[in-house]
């Protein structure tokens, strides 16, 4: 049996293929997606601040 037979892979070759395995690349965000994320983050921050103010005024009464 030949050690270079098709279908057989050595442990060293397996390790090399594992090390140089291509990674999944996430698609780049569009300008719209970036601005939409910033808008959503800002809206959540403002909502949290408003709820905190309302809770503080209710505790003061």
N, C-alpha and C. Protein backbone atom coordinates (compact mmCIF):
# COMPACT_ATOMS: atom_id res chain seq x y z
N UNK A 1 0.83 -1.19 0.00
CA UNK A 1 0.00 0.00 0.00
C UNK A 1 0.87 1.25 0.00
N UNK A 2 0.55 2.16 -0.85
CA UNK A 2 1.31 3.39 -0.97
C UNK A 2 0.81 4.39 0.06
N UNK A 3 1.72 5.07 0.76
CA UNK A 3 1.30 6.03 1.78
C UNK A 3 0.75 7.31 1.16
N UNK A 4 0.94 7.50 -0.15
CA UNK A 4 0.43 8.67 -0.83
C UNK A 4 -0.84 8.36 -1.62
N UNK A 5 -1.53 7.37 -1.16
CA UNK A 5 -2.75 6.96 -1.82
C UNK A 5 -3.83 8.03 -1.66
N UNK A 6 -4.69 8.15 -2.65
CA UNK A 6 -5.78 9.09 -2.56
C UNK A 6 -6.72 8.70 -1.43
N UNK A 7 -7.22 9.68 -0.71
CA UNK A 7 -8.17 9.41 0.36
C UNK A 7 -7.54 9.26 1.72
N UNK A 8 -6.23 9.12 1.78
CA UNK A 8 -5.58 9.03 3.08
C UNK A 8 -4.87 10.34 3.36
N UNK A 9 -5.06 10.84 4.56
CA UNK A 9 -4.46 12.11 4.96
C UNK A 9 -3.69 11.88 6.25
N UNK A 10 -2.44 12.34 6.26
CA UNK A 10 -1.62 12.15 7.45
C UNK A 10 -2.05 13.11 8.54
N UNK A 11 -1.65 12.83 9.75
CA UNK A 11 -1.99 13.67 10.89
C UNK A 11 -1.38 15.07 10.73
N UNK A 12 -0.18 15.13 10.16
CA UNK A 12 0.49 16.41 9.95
C UNK A 12 -0.30 17.24 8.93
N UNK A 13 -0.75 16.58 7.88
CA UNK A 13 -1.52 17.30 6.86
C UNK A 13 -2.86 17.75 7.43
N UNK A 14 -3.48 16.93 8.26
CA UNK A 14 -4.74 17.32 8.90
C UNK A 14 -4.54 18.54 9.78
N UNK A 15 -3.46 18.56 10.55
CA UNK A 15 -3.17 19.71 11.41
C UNK A 15 -2.94 20.97 10.58
N UNK A 16 -2.22 20.82 9.45
CA UNK A 16 -1.95 21.97 8.59
C UNK A 16 -3.25 22.50 7.99
N UNK A 17 -4.11 21.61 7.54
CA UNK A 17 -5.39 22.04 6.96
C UNK A 17 -6.26 22.71 8.02
N UNK A 18 -6.20 22.21 9.24
CA UNK A 18 -6.98 22.80 10.33
C UNK A 18 -6.46 24.20 10.67
N UNK A 19 -5.13 24.36 10.66
CA UNK A 19 -4.53 25.64 11.01
C UNK A 19 -4.81 26.70 9.94
N UNK A 20 -4.85 26.29 8.69
CA UNK A 20 -5.03 27.24 7.60
C UNK A 20 -6.45 27.22 7.04
N UNK A 21 -7.37 26.72 7.84
CA UNK A 21 -8.76 26.66 7.42
C UNK A 21 -9.31 28.08 7.25
N UNK A 22 -9.98 28.35 6.14
CA UNK A 22 -10.52 29.70 5.97
C UNK A 22 -11.62 29.99 6.99
N UNK A 23 -11.64 31.21 7.47
CA UNK A 23 -12.64 31.58 8.46
C UNK A 23 -13.85 32.16 7.76
N UNK A 24 -14.98 32.13 8.45
CA UNK A 24 -16.19 32.72 7.90
C UNK A 24 -16.06 34.25 7.97
N UNK A 25 -16.34 34.88 6.90
CA UNK A 25 -16.25 36.32 6.84
C UNK A 25 -17.67 36.88 6.88
N UNK A 26 -17.92 37.75 7.84
CA UNK A 26 -19.22 38.39 7.94
C UNK A 26 -19.29 39.50 6.90
N UNK A 27 -20.41 39.63 6.24
CA UNK A 27 -20.51 40.71 5.27
C UNK A 27 -20.43 42.07 5.97
N UNK A 28 -19.80 43.01 5.30
CA UNK A 28 -19.65 44.35 5.88
C UNK A 28 -21.02 45.01 6.01
N UNK A 29 -21.18 45.78 7.08
CA UNK A 29 -22.45 46.48 7.29
C UNK A 29 -22.53 47.66 6.33
N UNK A 30 -23.73 47.88 5.85
CA UNK A 30 -23.93 49.03 4.98
C UNK A 30 -24.02 50.29 5.84
N UNK A 31 -23.95 51.43 5.18
CA UNK A 31 -24.04 52.69 5.90
C UNK A 31 -25.40 52.80 6.59
N UNK A 32 -26.43 52.30 5.93
CA UNK A 32 -27.78 52.33 6.52
C UNK A 32 -27.83 51.49 7.79
N UNK A 33 -27.25 50.29 7.75
CA UNK A 33 -27.27 49.42 8.93
C UNK A 33 -26.51 50.05 10.10
N UNK A 34 -25.41 50.71 9.81
CA UNK A 34 -24.63 51.37 10.86
C UNK A 34 -25.44 52.50 11.48
N UNK A 35 -26.07 53.32 10.64
CA UNK A 35 -26.84 54.44 11.17
C UNK A 35 -28.08 53.95 11.90
N UNK A 36 -28.69 52.87 11.41
CA UNK A 36 -29.87 52.31 12.08
C UNK A 36 -29.49 51.76 13.46
N UNK A 37 -28.34 51.10 13.57
CA UNK A 37 -27.87 50.57 14.85
C UNK A 37 -27.61 51.72 15.83
N UNK A 38 -26.99 52.80 15.35
CA UNK A 38 -26.73 53.96 16.21
C UNK A 38 -28.04 54.58 16.68
N UNK A 39 -29.02 54.67 15.80
CA UNK A 39 -30.32 55.22 16.14
C UNK A 39 -31.01 54.36 17.21
N UNK A 40 -30.97 53.04 17.02
CA UNK A 40 -31.60 52.13 17.98
C UNK A 40 -30.92 52.20 19.35
N UNK A 41 -29.58 52.27 19.34
CA UNK A 41 -28.84 52.38 20.60
C UNK A 41 -29.18 53.68 21.33
N UNK A 42 -29.26 54.78 20.58
CA UNK A 42 -29.58 56.07 21.17
C UNK A 42 -31.00 56.07 21.74
N UNK A 43 -31.94 55.49 21.00
CA UNK A 43 -33.33 55.43 21.46
C UNK A 43 -33.42 54.60 22.76
N UNK A 44 -32.70 53.49 22.84
CA UNK A 44 -32.71 52.68 24.05
C UNK A 44 -32.11 53.44 25.23
N UNK A 45 -31.02 54.19 24.97
CA UNK A 45 -30.39 54.98 26.04
C UNK A 45 -31.34 56.05 26.55
N UNK A 46 -31.99 56.76 25.63
CA UNK A 46 -32.92 57.82 26.02
C UNK A 46 -34.12 57.26 26.77
N UNK A 47 -34.60 56.10 26.36
CA UNK A 47 -35.73 55.46 27.05
C UNK A 47 -35.35 55.09 28.48
N UNK A 48 -34.14 54.54 28.64
CA UNK A 48 -33.68 54.17 29.98
C UNK A 48 -33.55 55.41 30.87
N UNK A 49 -33.03 56.50 30.31
CA UNK A 49 -32.92 57.74 31.08
C UNK A 49 -34.30 58.27 31.47
N UNK A 50 -35.25 58.21 30.54
CA UNK A 50 -36.61 58.70 30.83
C UNK A 50 -37.27 57.85 31.92
N UNK A 51 -37.11 56.54 31.83
CA UNK A 51 -37.69 55.68 32.85
C UNK A 51 -37.06 55.92 34.21
N UNK A 52 -35.76 56.19 34.24
CA UNK A 52 -35.08 56.47 35.50
C UNK A 52 -35.59 57.78 36.09
N UNK A 53 -35.78 58.80 35.24
CA UNK A 53 -36.32 60.09 35.72
C UNK A 53 -37.72 59.89 36.26
N UNK A 54 -38.57 59.15 35.56
CA UNK A 54 -39.93 58.94 36.00
C UNK A 54 -39.97 58.17 37.31
N UNK A 55 -39.11 57.19 37.47
CA UNK A 55 -39.05 56.42 38.71
C UNK A 55 -38.59 57.31 39.86
N UNK A 56 -37.65 58.21 39.60
CA UNK A 56 -37.15 59.11 40.64
C UNK A 56 -38.23 60.09 41.08
N UNK A 57 -39.04 60.59 40.13
CA UNK A 57 -40.10 61.53 40.49
C UNK A 57 -41.21 60.81 41.24
N UNK A 58 -41.47 59.56 40.90
CA UNK A 58 -42.52 58.82 41.62
C UNK A 58 -42.08 58.50 43.05
N UNK A 59 -40.79 58.26 43.26
CA UNK A 59 -40.29 57.98 44.60
C UNK A 59 -40.29 59.26 45.46
N UNK A 60 -40.15 60.39 44.81
CA UNK A 60 -40.11 61.67 45.53
C UNK A 60 -41.47 62.10 46.01
N UNK A 61 -42.55 61.57 45.47
CA UNK A 61 -43.91 61.97 45.87
C UNK A 61 -44.37 61.28 47.11
